Amino acid sequence: QVQLVESGGGFVQPGGSLRLSCVASGSGFVINTMGWYRQAPGKQRELVARYAFRGETSYGDSVKGRASISKDNAKNAVYLQLNNLKPEDTAVYYCMLVVGGTGMIYWGNGTLVTASS
């Protein structure tokens, strides 16, 4: 079993920045992929950024050039830096992890980000 704990959400003014953190805990698992998705009211969950632990990164089209994902292998953590926030970035941001070998997918409980003046 894997637990994901997110932190860093909140209220941000348009043009501002935020940094989200996600730490995975549990035992006996290897991370294949870890990253962030988001879901705005009335919309489908979409990719923000993800990190394959072989090194490749992927970003959603709506955040390219404004988002940066990083990781700390020792802490089983990923971080999302999102700059120049727009009102349309308002969403619940979910941490996601894919376990290597089994392919099981785990989700965090989500952290709300509100970009508004």
C-alpha atoms as a PDB file:
ATOM      1  CA  GLN A   1       0.000   0.000   0.000  1.00  0.00           C
ATOM      2  CA  VAL A   2       1.208   3.482  -0.907  1.00  0.00           C
ATOM      3  CA  GLN A   3       0.099   6.725   0.687  1.00  0.00           C
ATOM      4  CA  LEU A   4       0.482  10.090  -0.989  1.00  0.00           C
ATOM      5  CA  VAL A   5       0.465  13.302   1.018  1.00  0.00           C
ATOM      6  CA  GLU A   6       0.149  16.589  -0.831  1.00  0.00           C
ATOM      7  CA  SER A   7       0.826  20.065   0.470  1.00  0.00           C
ATOM      8  CA  GLY A   8       1.184  23.596  -0.806  1.00  0.00           C
ATOM      9  CA  GLY A   9      -2.204  24.471  -2.212  1.00  0.00           C
ATOM     10  CA  GLY A  10      -4.113  27.612  -1.392  1.00  0.00           C
ATOM     11  CA  PHE A  11      -5.134  30.988  -2.696  1.00  0.00           C
ATOM     12  CA  VAL A  12      -2.884  32.702  -5.229  1.00  0.00           C
ATOM     13  CA  GLN A  13      -3.397  35.921  -7.144  1.00  0.00           C
ATOM     14  CA  PRO A  14      -3.166  35.776 -10.937  1.00  0.00           C
ATOM     15  CA  GLY A  15       0.436  36.198 -11.984  1.00  0.00           C
ATOM     16  CA  GLY A  16       1.652  34.613  -8.792  1.00  0.00           C
ATOM     17  CA  SER A  17       3.426  31.332  -8.200  1.00  0.00           C
ATOM     18  CA  LEU A  18       2.941  28.229  -6.129  1.00  0.00           C
ATOM     19  CA  ARG A  19       4.878  25.148  -5.194  1.00  0.00           C
ATOM     20  CA  LEU A  20       3.175  21.867  -4.472  1.00  0.00           C
ATOM     21  CA  SER A  21       4.809  18.951  -2.737  1.00  0.00           C
ATOM     22  CA  CYS A  22       3.908  15.288  -2.679  1.00  0.00           C
ATOM     23  CA  VAL A  23       5.568  12.623  -0.596  1.00  0.00           C
ATOM     24  CA  ALA A  24       4.954   8.921  -1.035  1.00  0.00           C
ATOM     25  CA  SER A  25       5.196   6.499   1.841  1.00  0.00           C
ATOM     26  CA  GLY A  26       4.740   2.792   2.254  1.00  0.00           C
ATOM     27  CA  SER A  27       6.897  -0.253   1.914  1.00  0.00           C
ATOM     28  CA  GLY A  28       8.131  -2.510  -0.796  1.00  0.00           C
ATOM     29  CA  PHE A  29       7.353  -0.342  -3.767  1.00  0.00           C
ATOM     30  CA  VAL A  30       9.345   1.070  -6.640  1.00  0.00           C
ATOM     31  CA  ILE A  31       8.175   4.229  -8.346  1.00  0.00           C
ATOM     32  CA  ASN A  32       7.677   4.042 -12.077  1.00  0.00           C
ATOM     33  CA  THR A  33       5.947   7.390 -12.572  1.00  0.00           C
ATOM     34  CA  MET A  34       4.986  10.194 -10.212  1.00  0.00           C
ATOM     35  CA  GLY A  35       3.390  13.492 -10.925  1.00  0.00           C
ATOM     36  CA  TRP A  36       0.485  15.888 -10.815  1.00  0.00           C
ATOM     37  CA  TYR A  37      -2.932  16.002 -12.384  1.00  0.00           C
ATOM     38  CA  ARG A  38      -5.676  18.526 -11.805  1.00  0.00           C
ATOM     39  CA  GLN A  39      -9.432  18.696 -12.068  1.00  0.00           C
ATOM     40  CA  ALA A  40     -11.417  21.872 -12.367  1.00  0.00           C
ATOM     41  CA  PRO A  41     -15.157  21.984 -11.632  1.00  0.00           C
ATOM     42  CA  GLY A  42     -17.100  20.415 -14.469  1.00  0.00           C
ATOM     43  CA  LYS A  43     -13.987  19.294 -16.315  1.00  0.00           C
ATOM     44  CA  GLN A  44     -12.061  16.070 -16.715  1.00  0.00           C
ATOM     45  CA  ARG A  45      -8.901  15.382 -14.806  1.00  0.00           C
ATOM     46  CA  GLU A  46      -5.909  16.461 -16.857  1.00  0.00           C
ATOM     47  CA  LEU A  47      -2.157  16.074 -16.765  1.00  0.00           C
ATOM     48  CA  VAL A  48      -0.169  18.912 -15.262  1.00  0.00           C
ATOM     49  CA  ALA A  49       3.273  17.323 -15.082  1.00  0.00           C
ATOM     50  CA  ARG A  50       4.720  13.918 -14.435  1.00  0.00           C
ATOM     51  CA  TYR A  51       8.122  12.405 -13.934  1.00  0.00           C
ATOM     52  CA  ALA A  52       9.157   8.961 -15.035  1.00  0.00           C
ATOM     53  CA  PHE A  53      11.880   7.822 -12.726  1.00  0.00           C
ATOM     54  CA  ARG A  54      13.957   6.813 -15.698  1.00  0.00           C
ATOM     55  CA  GLY A  55      14.198  10.565 -16.233  1.00  0.00           C
ATOM     56  CA  GLU A  56      11.618  11.659 -18.798  1.00  0.00           C
ATOM     57  CA  THR A  57       9.136  14.413 -17.981  1.00  0.00           C
ATOM     58  CA  SER A  58       5.788  15.308 -19.521  1.00  0.00           C
ATOM     59  CA  TYR A  59       3.770  18.503 -19.210  1.00  0.00           C
ATOM     60  CA  GLY A  60       0.202  19.347 -20.031  1.00  0.00           C
ATOM     61  CA  ASP A  61      -0.281  21.780 -22.883  1.00  0.00           C
ATOM     62  CA  SER A  62      -2.026  24.303 -20.648  1.00  0.00           C
ATOM     63  CA  VAL A  63       0.984  24.698 -18.349  1.00  0.00           C
ATOM     64  CA  LYS A  64       3.934  24.299 -20.717  1.00  0.00           C
ATOM     65  CA  GLY A  65       6.445  27.066 -20.127  1.00  0.00           C
ATOM     66  CA  ARG A  66       4.944  27.855 -16.732  1.00  0.00           C
ATOM     67  CA  ALA A  67       5.384  24.588 -14.865  1.00  0.00           C
ATOM     68  CA  SER A  68       8.410  22.732 -13.641  1.00  0.00           C
ATOM     69  CA  ILE A  69       8.414  19.354 -11.952  1.00  0.00           C
ATOM     70  CA  SER A  70      11.271  18.113  -9.835  1.00  0.00           C
ATOM     71  CA  LYS A  71      11.891  15.132  -7.610  1.00  0.00           C
ATOM     72  CA  ASP A  72      13.818  13.915  -4.624  1.00  0.00           C
ATOM     73  CA  ASN A  73      14.428  10.211  -4.991  1.00  0.00           C
ATOM     74  CA  ALA A  74      15.636   9.839  -1.426  1.00  0.00           C
ATOM     75  CA  LYS A  75      12.370  11.228  -0.083  1.00  0.00           C
ATOM     76  CA  ASN A  76      10.074   9.633  -2.689  1.00  0.00           C
ATOM     77  CA  ALA A  77       8.849  13.143  -3.368  1.00  0.00           C
ATOM     78  CA  VAL A  78       7.887  15.267  -6.331  1.00  0.00           C
ATOM     79  CA  TYR A  79       7.432  18.985  -6.434  1.00  0.00           C
ATOM     80  CA  LEU A  80       5.509  21.188  -8.827  1.00  0.00           C
ATOM     81  CA  GLN A  81       6.430  24.809  -9.389  1.00  0.00           C
ATOM     82  CA  LEU A  82       3.733  26.679 -11.305  1.00  0.00           C
ATOM     83  CA  ASN A  83       4.370  30.282 -12.296  1.00  0.00           C
ATOM     84  CA  ASN A  84       2.259  33.054 -13.762  1.00  0.00           C
ATOM     85  CA  LEU A  85      -0.928  31.523 -12.476  1.00  0.00           C
ATOM     86  CA  LYS A  86      -4.136  32.205 -14.348  1.00  0.00           C
ATOM     87  CA  PRO A  87      -7.725  31.941 -13.124  1.00  0.00           C
ATOM     88  CA  GLU A  88      -8.091  28.838 -15.290  1.00  0.00           C
ATOM     89  CA  ASP A  89      -5.431  27.136 -13.169  1.00  0.00           C
ATOM     90  CA  THR A  90      -7.999  26.957 -10.386  1.00  0.00           C
ATOM     91  CA  ALA A  91      -8.527  23.276  -9.674  1.00  0.00           C
ATOM     92  CA  VAL A  92      -7.937  20.463  -7.250  1.00  0.00           C
ATOM     93  CA  TYR A  93      -4.414  19.200  -7.832  1.00  0.00           C
ATOM     94  CA  TYR A  94      -3.841  15.499  -7.312  1.00  0.00           C
ATOM     95  CA  CYS A  95      -0.595  13.679  -6.834  1.00  0.00           C
ATOM     96  CA  MET A  96      -0.341  10.416  -8.754  1.00  0.00           C
ATOM     97  CA  LEU A  97       2.039   7.503  -8.522  1.00  0.00           C
ATOM     98  CA  VAL A  98       2.444   4.411 -10.669  1.00  0.00           C
ATOM     99  CA  VAL A  99       4.175   1.492  -9.011  1.00  0.00           C
ATOM    100  CA  GLY A 100       6.868  -0.219 -11.014  1.00  0.00           C
ATOM    101  CA  GLY A 101       6.224  -3.839 -11.813  1.00  0.00           C
ATOM    102  CA  THR A 102       2.551  -4.009 -10.803  1.00  0.00           C
ATOM    103  CA  GLY A 103       1.430  -0.849 -12.596  1.00  0.00           C
ATOM    104  CA  MET A 104      -0.894   0.000  -9.730  1.00  0.00           C
ATOM    105  CA  ILE A 105      -1.936   3.642  -9.653  1.00  0.00           C
ATOM    106  CA  TYR A 106      -2.354   5.621  -6.460  1.00  0.00           C
ATOM    107  CA  TRP A 107      -3.870   9.053  -6.019  1.00  0.00           C
ATOM    108  CA  GLY A 108      -3.569  11.570  -3.251  1.00  0.00           C
ATOM    109  CA  ASN A 109      -6.599  13.249  -1.733  1.00  0.00           C
ATOM    110  CA  GLY A 110      -5.927  16.436  -3.652  1.00  0.00           C
ATOM    111  CA  THR A 111      -5.088  19.995  -2.723  1.00  0.00           C
ATOM    112  CA  LEU A 112      -7.142  22.962  -3.864  1.00  0.00           C
ATOM    113  CA  VAL A 113      -5.475  25.788  -5.740  1.00  0.00           C
ATOM    114  CA  THR A 114      -7.486  28.939  -6.330  1.00  0.00           C
ATOM    115  CA  ALA A 115      -6.100  31.598  -8.635  1.00  0.00           C
ATOM    116  CA  SER A 116      -8.231  34.672  -8.252  1.00  0.00           C
ATOM    117  CA  SER A 117      -8.005  38.362  -7.578  1.00  0.00           C
END
